[in-house]
């Protein structure tokens, strides 16, 4: 049978993209007329509207929550799901306001830290490490703070389809020295940076398709990218699992490390790649469970199913 033709990539209308970007910049100017706390309160209202009217996203979030917390009441499920949509919109405000608010002289006004000292010294030693997080609360601020204080860190990211907005948001993220690597074709560059002793940052909770490693995440198998584990194994690099968690509705975050996986831990494992992947995924689940309302439950995290499930 002949291969089915590939779907053509949809061409973007550059005029529409530019107008969208222009409207975004106008909106940003308007938002800057108000303080960040006012904008965060407005974001909560918009998040509740998103929950009400984005039916497909709400349905997916509810399904994921019910499967992940079968012991919880339906009331808890709905409350947690709606709150997660509020956090989604609040992240937009965080990204826009972080460069305006957070400086070297006042970073303590916006953040507190938990179990971060060892990870800090590992980065200062310049031996190279992998920092792993998830789509949880304001995950962007960790890279911003590290870049601001001169740590050599690189974040792996996928550009947005709208090149004007993507360029603008990349500029916001780079404002304090954070370096961004395009996810597409990043493998060779990551290996070079790892050899130099840099810190590579990953958001590691996306579905990896049929080529991923299937490990447990909230009691179900989830396809997870091999690249993090392979890089750790080949370069003998520790993996640091960390998070940023919003405190109340404020622009204030607890930044913490809840697991560091060292090379000697996987040395005697029968399948070190799967063990490493399962271990950092378990650590992600651990910090999500501390406040599940800040996780992106509308993600299609369990989209791909393992073969053994399909065969049943």
Protein backbone atom coordinates (compact mmCIF):
# COMPACT_ATOMS: atom_id res chain seq x y z
CA UNK A 1 0.00 0.00 0.00
CA UNK A 2 1.33 3.43 -0.92
CA UNK A 3 2.02 5.85 1.86
CA UNK A 4 -0.77 8.33 2.45
CA UNK A 5 0.21 11.86 1.44
CA UNK A 6 1.38 14.12 4.23
CA UNK A 7 -0.96 16.84 5.29
CA UNK A 8 0.21 20.18 4.04
CA UNK A 9 1.19 22.59 6.72
CA UNK A 10 -1.38 25.32 6.94
CA UNK A 11 0.01 28.64 5.76
CA UNK A 12 -0.39 31.56 8.10
CA UNK A 13 -1.90 34.81 6.96
CA UNK A 14 0.86 37.25 7.84
CA UNK A 15 -1.51 40.20 7.92
CA UNK A 16 -3.82 38.45 10.37
CA UNK A 17 -0.83 37.40 12.47
CA UNK A 18 0.50 40.97 12.54
CA UNK A 19 -2.90 42.42 13.47
CA UNK A 20 -3.21 39.86 16.26
CA UNK A 21 0.23 40.86 17.50
CA UNK A 22 -0.72 44.56 17.29
CA UNK A 23 -3.87 43.96 19.36
CA UNK A 24 -1.79 42.07 21.92
CA UNK A 25 0.59 45.03 22.27
CA UNK A 26 -2.35 47.41 22.71
CA UNK A 27 -3.77 45.09 25.37
CA UNK A 28 -0.41 45.03 27.15
CA UNK A 29 -0.31 48.83 27.28
CA UNK A 30 -3.81 48.79 28.78
CA UNK A 31 -2.85 46.15 31.35
CA UNK A 32 0.15 48.23 32.46
CA UNK A 33 -2.25 50.98 33.55
CA UNK A 34 -3.14 48.75 36.53
CA UNK A 35 -1.05 47.05 39.18
CA UNK A 36 -0.28 43.35 38.93
CA UNK A 37 -2.64 42.30 41.74
CA UNK A 38 -5.59 43.99 40.02
CA UNK A 39 -4.69 42.24 36.78
CA UNK A 40 -4.42 38.88 38.56
CA UNK A 41 -7.90 39.31 40.04
CA UNK A 42 -9.22 40.11 36.55
CA UNK A 43 -7.39 37.04 35.25
CA UNK A 44 -9.29 34.88 37.75
CA UNK A 45 -12.58 36.20 36.38
CA UNK A 46 -11.43 35.48 32.81
CA UNK A 47 -10.31 32.02 33.89
CA UNK A 48 -13.78 31.25 35.23
CA UNK A 49 -15.28 32.45 31.94
CA UNK A 50 -12.87 30.23 30.05
CA UNK A 51 -13.96 27.31 32.23
CA UNK A 52 -17.59 28.05 31.49
CA UNK A 53 -17.37 28.47 27.72
CA UNK A 54 -14.36 26.39 26.60
CA UNK A 55 -16.36 23.16 26.65
CA UNK A 56 -13.76 20.86 25.10
CA UNK A 57 -11.02 22.00 27.47
CA UNK A 58 -13.31 21.75 30.49
CA UNK A 59 -14.41 18.25 29.50
CA UNK A 60 -10.80 17.08 29.12
CA UNK A 61 -9.78 18.62 32.44
CA UNK A 62 -12.69 16.95 34.23
CA UNK A 63 -11.88 13.56 32.67
CA UNK A 64 -8.22 13.85 33.69
CA UNK A 65 -9.11 14.88 37.23
CA UNK A 66 -11.65 12.09 37.69
CA UNK A 67 -9.13 9.49 36.50
CA UNK A 68 -6.32 10.94 38.62
CA UNK A 69 -8.39 11.43 41.80
CA UNK A 70 -11.06 8.70 41.78
CA UNK A 71 -11.51 9.08 45.54
CA UNK A 72 -12.48 12.77 45.34
CA UNK A 73 -16.02 14.13 45.19
CA UNK A 74 -17.46 15.63 42.01
CA UNK A 75 -17.64 18.98 43.79
CA UNK A 76 -13.89 18.86 44.50
CA UNK A 77 -13.19 17.84 40.89
CA UNK A 78 -15.12 20.81 39.47
CA UNK A 79 -13.66 23.28 41.96
CA UNK A 80 -10.09 22.13 41.23
CA UNK A 81 -10.64 22.18 37.47
CA UNK A 82 -12.07 25.67 37.48
CA UNK A 83 -9.25 26.96 39.65
CA UNK A 84 -6.69 25.43 37.25
CA UNK A 85 -8.19 27.55 34.44
CA UNK A 86 -7.78 30.64 36.62
CA UNK A 87 -4.09 29.79 37.03
CA UNK A 88 -3.76 29.42 33.26
CA UNK A 89 -4.86 33.00 32.66
CA UNK A 90 -2.87 34.33 35.62
CA UNK A 91 0.29 32.93 34.01
CA UNK A 92 -0.20 35.35 31.10
CA UNK A 93 -0.17 38.28 33.53
CA UNK A 94 2.88 36.84 35.28
CA UNK A 95 4.87 36.62 32.04
CA UNK A 96 4.06 40.20 31.05
CA UNK A 97 4.79 41.69 34.48
CA UNK A 98 7.84 39.70 35.57
CA UNK A 99 10.47 41.84 33.75
CA UNK A 100 8.81 45.03 35.05
CA UNK A 101 8.65 43.91 38.66
CA UNK A 102 11.42 41.43 39.51
CA UNK A 103 14.90 42.92 39.87
CA UNK A 104 18.13 41.87 41.56
CA UNK A 105 17.43 44.17 44.48
CA UNK A 106 13.84 43.03 45.21
CA UNK A 107 13.48 39.39 44.18
CA UNK A 108 12.79 38.40 47.80
CA UNK A 109 9.60 40.48 47.65
CA UNK A 110 8.18 38.05 45.09
CA UNK A 111 9.60 34.65 45.99
CA UNK A 112 10.60 32.26 48.74
CA UNK A 113 12.68 29.09 48.42
CA UNK A 114 12.57 25.50 49.60
CA UNK A 115 15.38 22.90 49.37
CA UNK A 116 17.24 24.77 46.61
CA UNK A 117 20.76 25.08 48.05
CA UNK A 118 22.21 21.83 46.71
CA UNK A 119 20.86 22.45 43.22
CA UNK A 120 22.31 25.97 43.31
CA UNK A 121 25.80 24.69 44.13
CA UNK A 122 25.58 22.03 41.43
CA UNK A 123 24.93 24.79 38.88
CA UNK A 124 27.76 26.95 40.26
CA UNK A 125 30.20 24.04 39.98
CA UNK A 126 29.53 24.02 36.22
CA UNK A 127 29.40 20.25 35.89
CA UNK A 128 26.12 20.39 34.00
CA UNK A 129 22.66 19.31 35.07
CA UNK A 130 19.15 18.88 33.73
CA UNK A 131 16.35 20.84 35.39
CA UNK A 132 12.89 19.33 34.96
CA UNK A 133 9.52 20.92 35.68
CA UNK A 134 5.93 20.76 34.48
CA UNK A 135 3.07 22.93 33.26
CA UNK A 136 2.36 23.98 36.79
CA UNK A 137 1.65 27.47 38.14
CA UNK A 138 4.26 30.01 36.91
CA UNK A 139 6.94 27.64 35.63
CA UNK A 140 8.43 30.49 33.56
CA UNK A 141 9.73 32.52 36.50
CA UNK A 142 12.35 29.93 37.48
CA UNK A 143 14.28 30.45 34.24
CA UNK A 144 13.89 34.22 34.54
CA UNK A 145 15.36 34.31 38.05
CA UNK A 146 18.25 32.00 37.20
CA UNK A 147 19.10 34.05 34.11
CA UNK A 148 18.91 37.29 36.09
CA UNK A 149 21.59 36.04 38.48
CA UNK A 150 23.91 34.95 35.70
CA UNK A 151 23.47 31.18 35.73
CA UNK A 152 24.19 29.64 32.34
CA UNK A 153 20.82 28.07 31.66
CA UNK A 154 19.04 27.14 28.46
CA UNK A 155 15.31 26.47 28.16
CA UNK A 156 13.97 24.17 25.46
CA UNK A 157 10.81 25.62 23.91
CA UNK A 158 8.60 25.41 20.83
CA UNK A 159 7.96 28.69 19.01
CA UNK A 160 4.36 29.85 18.64
CA UNK A 161 2.74 29.64 15.21
CA UNK A 162 2.37 33.44 15.14
CA UNK A 163 5.97 34.52 14.57
CA UNK A 164 5.38 38.11 15.72
CA UNK A 165 3.90 37.09 19.08
CA UNK A 166 6.51 34.34 19.44
CA UNK A 167 9.34 36.84 18.88
CA UNK A 168 7.81 39.26 21.38
CA UNK A 169 7.33 36.64 24.11
CA UNK A 170 10.82 35.25 23.52
CA UNK A 171 12.10 38.78 24.09
CA UNK A 172 10.22 38.96 27.39
CA UNK A 173 11.73 35.65 28.48
CA UNK A 174 15.22 36.70 27.45
CA UNK A 175 14.98 40.05 29.25
CA UNK A 176 17.03 38.84 32.21
CA UNK A 177 19.52 36.66 30.34
CA UNK A 178 17.54 33.46 29.90
CA UNK A 179 18.56 31.60 26.75
CA UNK A 180 15.89 29.88 24.62
CA UNK A 181 16.54 26.92 22.33
CA UNK A 182 14.08 26.00 19.59
CA UNK A 183 12.80 22.52 20.36
CA UNK A 184 12.99 21.46 16.71
CA UNK A 185 16.46 20.15 15.90
CA UNK A 186 17.83 20.87 19.39
CA UNK A 187 19.38 17.44 20.03
CA UNK A 188 22.91 18.16 18.79
CA UNK A 189 23.02 21.56 20.49
CA UNK A 190 21.82 20.09 23.79
CA UNK A 191 24.64 17.56 23.76
CA UNK A 192 27.18 20.32 23.09
CA UNK A 193 25.81 22.50 25.91
CA UNK A 194 25.71 19.54 28.29
CA UNK A 195 29.39 18.86 27.57
CA UNK A 196 30.13 22.51 28.44
CA UNK A 197 28.54 22.15 31.88
CA UNK A 198 25.43 24.21 31.18
CA UNK A 199 22.03 23.76 32.83
CA UNK A 200 19.27 22.64 30.48
CA UNK A 201 15.65 23.26 31.49
CA UNK A 202 12.73 21.13 30.32
CA UNK A 203 8.99 21.18 30.83
CA UNK A 204 8.62 17.42 30.93
CA UNK A 205 4.91 16.59 31.11
CA UNK A 206 3.83 16.52 27.45
CA UNK A 207 2.59 13.44 25.64
CA UNK A 208 5.52 12.00 23.66
CA UNK A 209 3.52 9.89 21.21
CA UNK A 210 4.20 6.29 20.28
CA UNK A 211 7.99 6.68 20.55
CA UNK A 212 7.91 7.76 24.18
CA UNK A 213 8.66 5.78 27.34
CA UNK A 214 5.46 4.78 29.14
CA UNK A 215 5.66 5.39 32.88
CA UNK A 216 3.11 5.85 35.64
CA UNK A 217 1.64 9.30 36.17
CA UNK A 218 -1.32 9.55 38.56
CA UNK A 219 -1.96 5.82 38.27
CA UNK A 220 -2.02 5.66 34.46
CA UNK A 221 0.65 5.04 31.87
CA UNK A 222 1.77 8.25 30.18
CA UNK A 223 4.05 8.50 27.14
CA UNK A 224 7.11 10.53 28.17
CA UNK A 225 10.01 11.85 26.09
CA UNK A 226 13.22 9.80 26.07
CA UNK A 227 15.51 12.78 25.42
CA UNK A 228 15.91 13.84 29.07
CA UNK A 229 16.78 10.36 30.28
CA UNK A 230 19.10 9.66 27.35
CA UNK A 231 20.96 12.92 27.88
CA UNK A 232 21.35 12.20 31.59
CA UNK A 233 22.63 8.68 30.92
CA UNK A 234 25.06 9.56 28.13
CA UNK A 235 26.47 12.68 29.83
CA UNK A 236 26.26 11.40 33.42
CA UNK A 237 24.26 14.46 34.48
CA UNK A 238 22.08 14.84 37.60
CA UNK A 239 18.38 15.59 37.08
CA UNK A 240 16.84 18.28 39.30
CA UNK A 241 13.05 18.25 39.62
CA UNK A 242 11.63 21.60 40.67
CA UNK A 243 8.51 23.74 40.73
CA UNK A 244 7.18 27.25 41.22
CA UNK A 245 3.92 27.49 43.18
CA UNK A 246 1.78 30.59 43.51
CA UNK A 247 0.88 31.71 47.03
CA UNK A 248 -2.78 32.79 47.17
CA UNK A 249 -3.75 35.05 44.26
CA UNK A 250 -0.62 37.15 44.57
CA UNK A 251 2.40 37.68 42.38
CA UNK A 252 4.43 35.70 44.89
CA UNK A 253 5.85 32.20 44.48
CA UNK A 254 7.36 29.35 46.42
CA UNK A 255 10.19 27.92 44.34
CA UNK A 256 11.33 24.51 45.42
CA UNK A 257 13.30 21.39 44.56
CA UNK A 258 11.71 18.11 45.59
CA UNK A 259 14.09 15.59 43.98
CA UNK A 260 17.65 15.39 42.66
CA UNK A 261 18.46 12.17 40.79
CA UNK A 262 22.19 11.40 40.72
CA UNK A 263 23.97 9.13 38.19
CA UNK A 264 24.98 6.60 40.83
CA UNK A 265 21.30 5.91 41.51
CA UNK A 266 20.65 4.42 38.07
CA UNK A 267 24.02 2.69 37.64
CA UNK A 268 22.73 -0.75 38.69
CA UNK A 269 19.23 -0.57 37.20
CA UNK A 270 18.18 -3.15 34.58
CA UNK A 271 16.52 -0.48 32.45
CA UNK A 272 18.09 2.83 33.53
CA UNK A 273 16.27 4.91 30.90
CA UNK A 274 12.85 3.78 32.05
CA UNK A 275 13.84 4.07 35.73
CA UNK A 276 15.09 7.65 35.34
CA UNK A 277 12.00 8.67 33.37
CA UNK A 278 9.68 7.08 35.92
CA UNK A 279 11.57 8.66 38.82
CA UNK A 280 11.39 12.26 37.65
CA UNK A 281 7.78 11.76 36.57
CA UNK A 282 6.96 10.47 40.05
CA UNK A 283 8.61 13.58 41.53
CA UNK A 284 6.48 15.81 39.29
CA UNK A 285 3.35 14.01 40.47
CA UNK A 286 4.48 14.53 44.05
CA UNK A 287 4.61 18.33 43.84
CA UNK A 288 1.40 18.51 41.77
CA UNK A 289 -0.43 16.62 44.51
CA UNK A 290 0.55 19.31 47.02
CA UNK A 291 -1.75 21.71 45.16
CA UNK A 292 -3.40 20.09 42.12
CA UNK A 293 -5.38 23.25 41.32
CA UNK A 294 -2.22 24.80 39.82
CA UNK A 295 -1.66 22.04 37.24
CA UNK A 296 -2.75 22.27 33.58
CA UNK A 297 -5.39 19.53 33.63
CA UNK A 298 -6.66 20.39 30.15
CA UNK A 299 -3.43 18.94 28.67
CA UNK A 300 -3.78 15.71 26.67
CA UNK A 301 -1.16 14.11 28.90
CA UNK A 302 -2.52 10.57 28.47
CA UNK A 303 -3.37 10.86 24.77
CA UNK A 304 -1.20 7.96 23.53
CA UNK A 305 -1.92 4.56 25.04
CA UNK A 306 0.58 1.68 25.37
CA UNK A 307 0.18 -1.38 23.14
CA UNK A 308 -0.78 -3.70 26.00
CA UNK A 309 -3.85 -1.57 26.75
CA UNK A 310 -4.96 -1.61 23.12
CA UNK A 311 -4.62 -5.39 22.93
CA UNK A 312 -7.01 -6.00 25.84
